[in-house]
Amino acid sequence: MENALRLQPFSADHVLVTGANGYLGSLIVATLLRSTSAKISCLVRSSHDDVSLLEPIIEECAAQGLPWNDGLRSRIIRVSLPQDTSTLADMVPSLANVDEVIHCAGCLDYYDVAKLEAVNVRYTKDLLTLAKKLTIKRFLYISTAYSSGYQNKVTPESLLDEPASDPTEYTRTKREAERLVATSDLPFLVLRPSILIGTRDTGRYSGKRYGLYQQWMGLERLICDRYHAEFHTVAPKLPLNLIHQDAFCNAFSAAYEWLPDGAFMNIVSAETTSPSMRTLWDMWFEVTRPRQVFYYSKMDDVPLKSIPTRQRAYLTFAQINLEIASHHWQFETTWIERLRNHGMDFHDATIDTVRICQSRFVRSSAIIEKYMKNFGDQLAKDLSFNEVDEPSALASEVKTL
């Protein structure tokens, strides 16, 4: 496939969106309402009523400068997902006018392999069966930038090779779903966003606490009940790819209109601007201000038996995400550059814009407010940062607090 944009923008009259009540789904539906005139059928579980479907969409429309009105409401149709997704093809009569499918529903539970298979793989397969029975112009799949698994090369904007290993079963099942889509004989797009965080200007974040927010939540809940004069953590200096949710919406809108059939697009920030996990920890310690910080390059180096119990609990809680951050992820960005040249407004995440997101999280946290009130007089004015090269030698010196 040549890396050439469409000569005319893609359009659909009636789009079927899965996962529309979720984080990415609500961002996508709001973006479609703003930038297209299509009707949007939202395929959601029967437990979701109109209120639970529309609430996040209305909020995101407002954030995108699109006041909610009856005209927008009339474009959205709630469709109940059958309990058994293998019967999706039976819905053809009720979805006969659908001419595009956008599949953004997915399971993120790293530990529930059965559910990952059922949602990320079988649901995708069943939805493709439905799509083949409809007269659709395109099947658009929302994957993840980490679907490549662990490999020591640039993640291409194409079908992926099988890696030596995966961070989790989640990345494996998303890669398998990509292959199902690409070999379906349907016109398709695959979009691979990295880790979403709040908007670059205000830090507003409308998703669940995944990714970086999961890390902040863990620190808030497990660490901020007391002052830790010493802190031990894994803090690699490799870039951690984050994208702001407003950048994702702009990238989705541009890709939706201009990418050719068969394209894979890595929606990622530039490696040169992306902060590292080390930088993110430095920013966090600007808030909690321990006297000494001990930085390790990988989890195996941390003397877990010797460090404070709650720090050990946090590192165990965050282990997979810290391991992912310890890998050097590299991405091809041909499509981002072409769309930028075509007028797309896409801002890379930077240290300063991520700090805006952290500041908003800190301001909104009653737990951190209480921490500052209870331990403000103990917070260190000058922090000591220690690179630990010989963790075994340090272990005997660490005191449990």
Protein backbone atom coordinates (compact mmCIF):
# COMPACT_ATOMS: atom_id res chain seq x y z
CA MET A 1 0.00 0.00 0.00
CA GLU A 2 1.33 3.44 -0.92
CA ASN A 3 1.44 6.05 1.82
CA ALA A 4 -0.89 8.43 -0.02
CA LEU A 5 -3.90 10.11 1.55
CA ARG A 6 -7.33 9.98 -0.04
CA LEU A 7 -8.07 12.49 -2.75
CA GLN A 8 -11.53 13.04 -1.26
CA PRO A 9 -12.51 12.64 2.42
CA PHE A 10 -14.22 9.43 3.46
CA SER A 11 -17.84 9.70 4.61
CA ALA A 12 -20.53 7.33 5.82
CA ASP A 13 -24.24 7.85 6.30
CA HIS A 14 -24.83 5.42 9.17
CA VAL A 15 -22.05 4.22 11.49
CA LEU A 16 -22.25 1.31 13.94
CA VAL A 17 -19.99 1.98 16.96
CA THR A 18 -19.16 -0.64 19.58
CA GLY A 19 -18.15 0.39 23.09
CA ALA A 20 -19.75 3.81 22.65
CA ASN A 21 -20.40 4.12 26.39
CA GLY A 22 -16.70 3.57 27.21
CA TYR A 23 -13.87 6.07 27.33
CA LEU A 24 -12.55 5.85 23.77
CA GLY A 25 -16.02 5.14 22.42
CA SER A 26 -17.50 8.31 23.89
CA LEU A 27 -14.58 10.36 22.54
CA ILE A 28 -15.12 8.85 19.09
CA VAL A 29 -18.90 9.34 19.06
CA ALA A 30 -18.54 12.98 20.13
CA THR A 31 -15.91 13.52 17.44
CA LEU A 32 -18.19 11.95 14.81
CA LEU A 33 -21.07 14.19 15.92
CA ARG A 34 -18.80 17.22 15.55
CA SER A 35 -17.12 16.38 12.26
CA THR A 36 -19.70 14.33 10.31
CA SER A 37 -23.43 14.25 9.65
CA ALA A 38 -23.76 10.46 10.03
CA LYS A 39 -26.34 8.65 12.10
CA ILE A 40 -24.63 6.63 14.83
CA SER A 41 -25.95 3.32 16.12
CA CYS A 42 -24.28 2.51 19.43
CA LEU A 43 -23.99 -1.22 20.13
CA VAL A 44 -23.92 -1.57 23.93
CA ARG A 45 -24.84 -4.20 26.48
CA SER A 46 -28.53 -4.34 27.37
CA SER A 47 -27.72 -3.24 30.94
CA HIS A 48 -26.93 0.24 29.61
CA ASP A 49 -29.87 2.61 29.19
CA ASP A 50 -29.98 5.89 27.28
CA VAL A 51 -28.73 7.86 30.29
CA SER A 52 -25.58 5.79 30.83
CA LEU A 53 -24.89 5.81 27.09
CA LEU A 54 -25.41 9.52 26.52
CA GLU A 55 -23.88 11.00 29.68
CA PRO A 56 -20.18 10.67 28.68
CA ILE A 57 -20.98 11.61 25.07
CA ILE A 58 -22.77 14.80 26.12
CA GLU A 59 -19.86 15.72 28.40
CA GLU A 60 -17.34 15.22 25.62
CA CYS A 61 -19.44 17.16 23.10
CA ALA A 62 -19.46 20.11 25.48
CA ALA A 63 -15.69 19.84 25.90
CA GLN A 64 -15.28 19.87 22.11
CA GLY A 65 -17.39 23.02 21.84
CA LEU A 66 -20.51 21.26 20.56
CA PRO A 67 -23.54 22.21 22.71
CA TRP A 68 -25.99 19.33 23.10
CA ASN A 69 -29.32 19.70 21.31
CA ASP A 70 -32.20 17.65 19.91
CA GLY A 71 -30.54 17.46 16.52
CA LEU A 72 -27.50 15.70 17.95
CA ARG A 73 -29.67 13.43 20.09
CA SER A 74 -31.69 12.36 17.05
CA ARG A 75 -28.54 11.07 15.35
CA ILE A 76 -27.80 8.52 18.10
CA ILE A 77 -29.55 5.15 18.26
CA ARG A 78 -28.96 2.75 21.14
CA VAL A 79 -28.77 -0.88 20.02
CA SER A 80 -28.60 -3.74 22.53
CA LEU A 81 -25.74 -6.20 22.16
CA PRO A 82 -26.93 -9.82 22.34
CA GLN A 83 -25.55 -11.86 25.22
CA ASP A 84 -24.11 -14.33 22.73
CA THR A 85 -22.07 -12.34 20.20
CA SER A 86 -22.11 -15.30 17.79
CA THR A 87 -25.72 -14.28 17.00
CA LEU A 88 -24.71 -10.78 15.85
CA ALA A 89 -25.33 -11.73 12.22
CA ASP A 90 -29.01 -12.15 13.07
CA MET A 91 -29.18 -8.36 13.52
CA VAL A 92 -28.71 -7.67 9.80
CA PRO A 93 -32.36 -6.65 9.20
CA SER A 94 -32.31 -4.02 11.95
CA LEU A 95 -28.90 -2.68 10.84
CA ALA A 96 -29.45 -2.81 7.09
CA ASN A 97 -28.62 0.88 6.58
CA VAL A 98 -25.26 0.74 8.38
CA ASP A 99 -22.41 1.47 5.95
CA GLU A 100 -19.46 1.61 8.38
CA VAL A 101 -18.44 -0.23 11.56
CA ILE A 102 -16.14 1.32 14.17
CA HIS A 103 -15.06 -1.30 16.68
CA CYS A 104 -13.62 0.22 19.84
CA ALA A 105 -15.06 -2.12 22.48
CA GLY A 106 -12.40 -4.14 24.26
CA CYS A 107 -11.36 -5.84 27.48
CA LEU A 108 -8.42 -4.30 29.38
CA ASP A 109 -8.21 -6.82 32.22
CA TYR A 110 -4.63 -8.12 32.09
CA TYR A 111 -5.44 -11.13 34.26
CA ASP A 112 -8.74 -12.44 32.86
CA VAL A 113 -7.54 -14.42 29.85
CA ALA A 114 -10.95 -15.95 29.14
CA LYS A 115 -12.58 -12.51 28.99
CA LEU A 116 -9.75 -11.10 26.86
CA GLU A 117 -10.29 -13.91 24.36
CA ALA A 118 -14.08 -13.53 24.42
CA VAL A 119 -14.13 -9.75 23.98
CA ASN A 120 -10.99 -8.87 22.05
CA VAL A 121 -10.88 -11.86 19.73
CA ARG A 122 -14.24 -13.65 19.43
CA TYR A 123 -16.34 -10.48 19.57
CA THR A 124 -14.19 -9.00 16.80
CA LYS A 125 -14.61 -12.17 14.74
CA ASP A 126 -18.39 -12.16 15.24
CA LEU A 127 -18.61 -8.46 14.38
CA LEU A 128 -16.68 -9.07 11.15
CA THR A 129 -19.21 -11.78 10.26
CA LEU A 130 -21.99 -9.23 10.76
CA ALA A 131 -20.11 -6.61 8.73
CA LYS A 132 -19.74 -9.00 5.79
CA LYS A 133 -23.51 -9.40 5.66
CA LEU A 134 -24.00 -5.63 5.61
CA THR A 135 -23.08 -3.36 2.73
CA ILE A 136 -20.30 -1.44 4.46
CA LYS A 137 -17.70 0.92 3.10
CA ARG A 138 -15.19 0.24 5.88
CA PHE A 139 -14.41 -1.56 9.14
CA LEU A 140 -12.38 0.66 11.49
CA TYR A 141 -10.67 -1.09 14.40
CA ILE A 142 -9.26 0.65 17.49
CA SER A 143 -6.25 -1.34 18.67
CA THR A 144 -3.31 -0.31 20.86
CA ALA A 145 0.20 0.94 20.13
CA TYR A 146 1.49 -1.94 22.27
CA SER A 147 -0.05 -4.71 20.13
CA SER A 148 3.43 -5.43 18.76
CA GLY A 149 4.52 -7.04 22.02
CA TYR A 150 8.13 -6.86 23.17
CA GLN A 151 10.45 -6.46 20.20
CA ASN A 152 13.69 -4.58 19.62
CA LYS A 153 12.66 -2.69 16.51
CA VAL A 154 10.34 0.04 15.36
CA THR A 155 6.65 -0.93 15.40
CA PRO A 156 5.66 -0.63 11.72
CA GLU A 157 2.39 0.75 10.41
CA SER A 158 1.50 -2.63 8.95
CA LEU A 159 0.63 -6.15 10.06
CA LEU A 160 2.85 -7.21 12.94
CA ASP A 161 5.25 -10.10 13.29
CA GLU A 162 4.90 -12.44 16.24
CA PRO A 163 7.14 -11.10 19.05
CA ALA A 164 9.34 -13.06 21.40
CA SER A 165 6.94 -12.23 24.25
CA ASP A 166 4.06 -9.95 25.28
CA PRO A 167 3.66 -7.66 28.27
CA THR A 168 0.23 -9.19 28.88
CA GLU A 169 -2.41 -11.32 27.19
CA TYR A 170 -4.14 -8.02 26.39
CA THR A 171 -1.52 -7.04 23.81
CA ARG A 172 -1.57 -10.53 22.30
CA THR A 173 -5.35 -10.54 21.87
CA LYS A 174 -5.35 -7.05 20.33
CA ARG A 175 -2.71 -8.17 17.82
CA GLU A 176 -4.78 -11.24 17.00
CA ALA A 177 -7.85 -9.04 16.46
CA GLU A 178 -5.85 -6.80 14.11
CA ARG A 179 -5.03 -9.86 12.00
CA LEU A 180 -8.67 -10.90 11.86
CA VAL A 181 -9.61 -7.45 10.60
CA ALA A 182 -6.78 -7.22 8.06
CA THR A 183 -7.50 -10.65 6.57
CA SER A 184 -11.30 -10.28 6.50
CA ASP A 185 -11.48 -9.13 2.85
CA LEU A 186 -13.31 -6.01 4.07
CA PRO A 187 -12.01 -2.47 3.51
CA PHE A 188 -10.43 -1.56 6.86
CA LEU A 189 -8.41 0.84 9.01
CA VAL A 190 -6.50 -0.01 12.19
CA LEU A 191 -5.73 2.83 14.61
CA ARG A 192 -3.26 2.20 17.45
CA PRO A 193 -3.34 4.84 20.20
CA SER A 194 -0.77 4.75 22.99
CA ILE A 195 -1.54 5.69 26.63
CA LEU A 196 -4.21 8.40 26.84
CA ILE A 197 -4.03 11.15 29.43
CA GLY A 198 -5.96 14.40 29.96
CA THR A 199 -6.09 17.35 27.61
CA ARG A 200 -2.88 19.32 27.13
CA ASP A 201 -4.33 22.69 28.13
CA THR A 202 -6.38 21.88 31.26
CA GLY A 203 -5.60 18.25 32.06
CA ARG A 204 -9.29 17.26 31.86
CA TYR A 205 -9.51 13.47 31.75
CA SER A 206 -12.80 11.62 31.29
CA GLY A 207 -11.63 8.01 31.35
CA LYS A 208 -11.30 5.36 34.00
CA ARG A 209 -8.11 5.21 35.99
CA TYR A 210 -5.94 3.23 33.62
CA GLY A 211 -2.34 3.80 32.56
CA LEU A 212 -0.72 6.79 34.24
CA TYR A 213 -3.87 7.47 36.27
CA GLN A 214 -3.69 3.94 37.64
CA GLN A 215 -0.17 4.72 38.85
CA TRP A 216 -1.24 7.97 40.48
CA MET A 217 -4.25 6.28 42.07
CA GLY A 218 -2.05 3.53 43.50
CA LEU A 219 0.32 6.10 44.99
CA GLU A 220 -2.60 8.10 46.35
CA ARG A 221 -4.24 5.09 48.00
CA LEU A 222 -1.25 3.04 49.15
CA ILE A 223 1.40 5.66 49.94
CA CYS A 224 -0.22 8.93 51.00
CA ASP A 225 -1.53 7.69 54.35
CA ARG A 226 1.87 8.47 55.89
CA TYR A 227 5.10 10.33 55.18
CA HIS A 228 7.84 8.25 53.57
CA ALA A 229 11.23 9.83 54.24
CA GLU A 230 12.78 7.25 51.87
CA PHE A 231 11.20 5.96 48.71
CA HIS A 232 12.30 3.06 46.46
CA THR A 233 10.96 2.62 42.93
CA VAL A 234 11.65 1.47 39.39
CA ALA A 235 12.34 4.49 37.20
CA PRO A 236 13.79 3.75 33.74
CA LYS A 237 14.96 6.67 31.64
CA LEU A 238 13.30 5.38 28.47
CA PRO A 239 10.57 7.53 26.87
CA LEU A 240 7.01 6.62 27.93
CA ASN A 241 4.59 7.33 25.12
CA LEU A 242 1.55 9.32 26.25
CA ILE A 243 -1.03 11.15 24.15
CA HIS A 244 -3.52 13.77 25.25
CA GLN A 245 -7.16 12.91 24.70
CA ASP A 246 -7.72 16.04 22.61
CA ALA A 247 -4.79 14.99 20.40
CA PHE A 248 -6.39 11.56 20.04
CA CYS A 249 -9.71 13.11 18.95
CA ASN A 250 -7.96 15.27 16.35
CA ALA A 251 -5.93 12.31 15.08
CA PHE A 252 -9.03 10.11 14.90
CA SER A 253 -10.94 12.77 12.94
CA ALA A 254 -8.12 13.27 10.44
CA ALA A 255 -7.45 9.55 10.03
CA TYR A 256 -11.17 8.87 9.64
CA GLU A 257 -11.44 11.25 6.71
CA TRP A 258 -8.13 10.88 4.91
CA LEU A 259 -6.42 7.53 5.48
CA PRO A 260 -6.74 5.02 2.64
CA ASP A 261 -8.22 1.58 3.09
CA GLY A 262 -5.75 -0.93 4.50
CA ALA A 263 -3.81 1.62 6.59
CA PHE A 264 -2.45 1.00 10.09
CA MET A 265 -1.72 4.17 12.07
CA ASN A 266 0.30 4.45 15.27
CA ILE A 267 -1.25 7.36 17.20
CA VAL A 268 1.71 8.28 19.39
CA SER A 269 3.65 11.29 20.57
CA ALA A 270 7.18 12.01 19.38
CA GLU A 271 9.85 10.09 21.26
CA THR A 272 11.92 13.28 21.53
CA THR A 273 9.24 15.05 23.60
CA SER A 274 7.88 12.09 25.59
CA PRO A 275 8.81 12.13 29.28
CA SER A 276 10.42 9.05 30.79
CA MET A 277 9.16 7.17 33.83
CA ARG A 278 12.11 8.77 35.64
CA THR A 279 10.78 12.22 34.79
CA LEU A 280 7.27 11.25 35.90
CA TRP A 281 8.62 10.09 39.26
CA ASP A 282 10.60 13.33 39.64
CA MET A 283 7.35 15.23 39.08
CA TRP A 284 5.50 13.11 41.64
CA PHE A 285 8.18 13.64 44.27
CA GLU A 286 7.83 17.40 43.76
CA VAL A 287 4.48 16.84 45.50
CA THR A 288 5.21 14.21 48.18
CA ARG A 289 8.83 15.34 48.84
CA PRO A 290 10.63 12.46 50.54
CA ARG A 291 14.15 13.14 51.82
CA GLN A 292 15.79 10.38 49.79
CA VAL A 293 14.72 8.62 46.60
CA PHE A 294 16.30 5.38 45.38
CA TYR A 295 15.89 4.72 41.67
CA TYR A 296 16.28 1.24 40.14
CA SER A 297 16.39 0.36 36.46
CA LYS A 298 14.20 -2.76 36.74
CA MET A 299 11.96 -4.55 39.22
CA ASP A 300 14.43 -7.38 39.89
CA ASP A 301 16.89 -4.85 41.31
CA VAL A 302 14.56 -3.61 44.05
CA PRO A 303 15.25 -5.18 47.50
CA LEU A 304 11.54 -5.84 48.07
CA LYS A 305 12.01 -7.63 51.39
CA SER A 306 13.82 -4.64 52.87
CA ILE A 307 11.73 -1.70 51.75
CA PRO A 308 8.64 -0.37 53.57
CA THR A 309 5.62 -2.66 53.32
CA ARG A 310 3.35 -0.17 51.58
CA GLN A 311 6.02 0.70 49.01
CA ARG A 312 6.36 -3.03 48.32
CA ALA A 313 2.58 -3.24 47.94
CA TYR A 314 2.59 -0.37 45.48
CA LEU A 315 5.39 -1.85 43.36
CA THR A 316 3.56 -5.18 43.27
CA PHE A 317 0.35 -3.39 42.23
CA ALA A 318 2.14 -1.45 39.46
CA GLN A 319 4.59 -4.17 38.40
CA ILE A 320 3.25 -4.82 34.90
CA ASN A 321 3.01 -1.14 34.00
CA LEU A 322 6.52 -0.53 35.35
CA GLU A 323 7.82 -3.45 33.28
CA ILE A 324 6.14 -2.02 30.18
CA ALA A 325 7.78 1.35 30.91
CA SER A 326 11.16 -0.42 31.13
CA HIS A 327 10.98 -1.46 27.46
CA HIS A 328 12.08 0.89 24.69
CA TRP A 329 8.97 1.20 22.53
CA GLN A 330 9.62 2.70 19.10
CA PHE A 331 6.97 3.59 16.54
CA GLU A 332 6.73 4.41 12.87
CA THR A 333 4.84 7.71 12.49
CA THR A 334 4.50 8.09 8.72
CA TRP A 335 0.76 8.72 8.85
CA ILE A 336 0.94 11.28 11.65
CA GLU A 337 3.49 13.27 9.66
CA ARG A 338 1.43 13.07 6.45
CA LEU A 339 -1.74 14.14 8.25
CA ARG A 340 0.10 16.98 9.98
CA ASN A 341 1.29 18.17 6.59
CA HIS A 342 -2.34 17.92 5.48
CA GLY A 343 -3.45 20.26 8.30
CA MET A 344 -4.08 17.97 11.29
CA ASP A 345 -3.70 19.70 14.66
CA PHE A 346 -1.78 17.16 16.75
CA HIS A 347 0.26 18.17 19.79
CA ASP A 348 2.78 15.75 21.25
CA ALA A 349 2.81 15.14 24.98
CA THR A 350 5.66 16.90 26.76
CA ILE A 351 6.94 17.18 30.31
CA ASP A 352 5.07 20.47 30.73
CA THR A 353 1.74 19.20 29.38
CA VAL A 354 1.91 16.03 31.48
CA ARG A 355 2.61 18.20 34.53
CA ILE A 356 -0.70 19.97 33.84
CA CYS A 357 -2.48 16.60 34.01
CA GLN A 358 -0.73 15.61 37.24
CA SER A 359 -1.50 18.98 38.83
CA ARG A 360 -5.19 18.56 38.06
CA PHE A 361 -5.15 15.05 39.56
CA VAL A 362 -3.41 16.31 42.70
CA ARG A 363 -5.83 19.21 43.12
CA SER A 364 -8.81 16.87 42.82
CA SER A 365 -7.52 14.38 45.42
CA ALA A 366 -8.93 14.63 48.95
CA ILE A 367 -6.36 12.04 50.02
CA ILE A 368 -3.42 14.16 48.83
CA GLU A 369 -4.98 17.26 50.39
CA LYS A 370 -5.10 15.39 53.70
CA TYR A 371 -1.51 14.22 53.19
CA MET A 372 -0.30 17.79 52.74
CA LYS A 373 -2.23 18.92 55.82
CA ASN A 374 -0.95 16.10 58.06
CA PHE A 375 2.66 15.95 56.91
CA GLY A 376 3.39 19.35 55.42
CA ASP A 377 5.91 20.23 58.11
CA GLN A 378 7.91 17.03 57.38
CA LEU A 379 8.23 17.50 53.62
CA ALA A 380 11.84 17.79 52.51
CA LYS A 381 12.99 21.07 51.04
CA ASP A 382 15.92 19.41 49.30
CA LEU A 383 15.52 15.93 47.81
CA SER A 384 18.36 13.46 47.42
CA PHE A 385 18.14 11.20 44.36
CA ASN A 386 20.18 8.00 44.32
CA GLU A 387 20.93 5.79 41.32
CA VAL A 388 21.19 2.23 42.68
CA ASP A 389 23.72 0.19 40.71
CA GLU A 390 24.36 -2.45 43.36
CA PRO A 391 21.01 -3.19 45.01
CA SER A 392 22.34 -6.15 47.01
CA ALA A 393 24.78 -3.89 48.83
CA LEU A 394 22.04 -1.40 49.59
CA ALA A 395 19.56 -3.94 50.94
CA SER A 396 21.23 -4.26 54.34
CA GLU A 397 21.15 -0.50 54.80
CA VAL A 398 17.46 0.03 54.05
CA LYS A 399 15.31 0.45 57.15
CA THR A 400 11.61 -0.34 57.13
CA LEU A 401 9.63 2.76 58.00
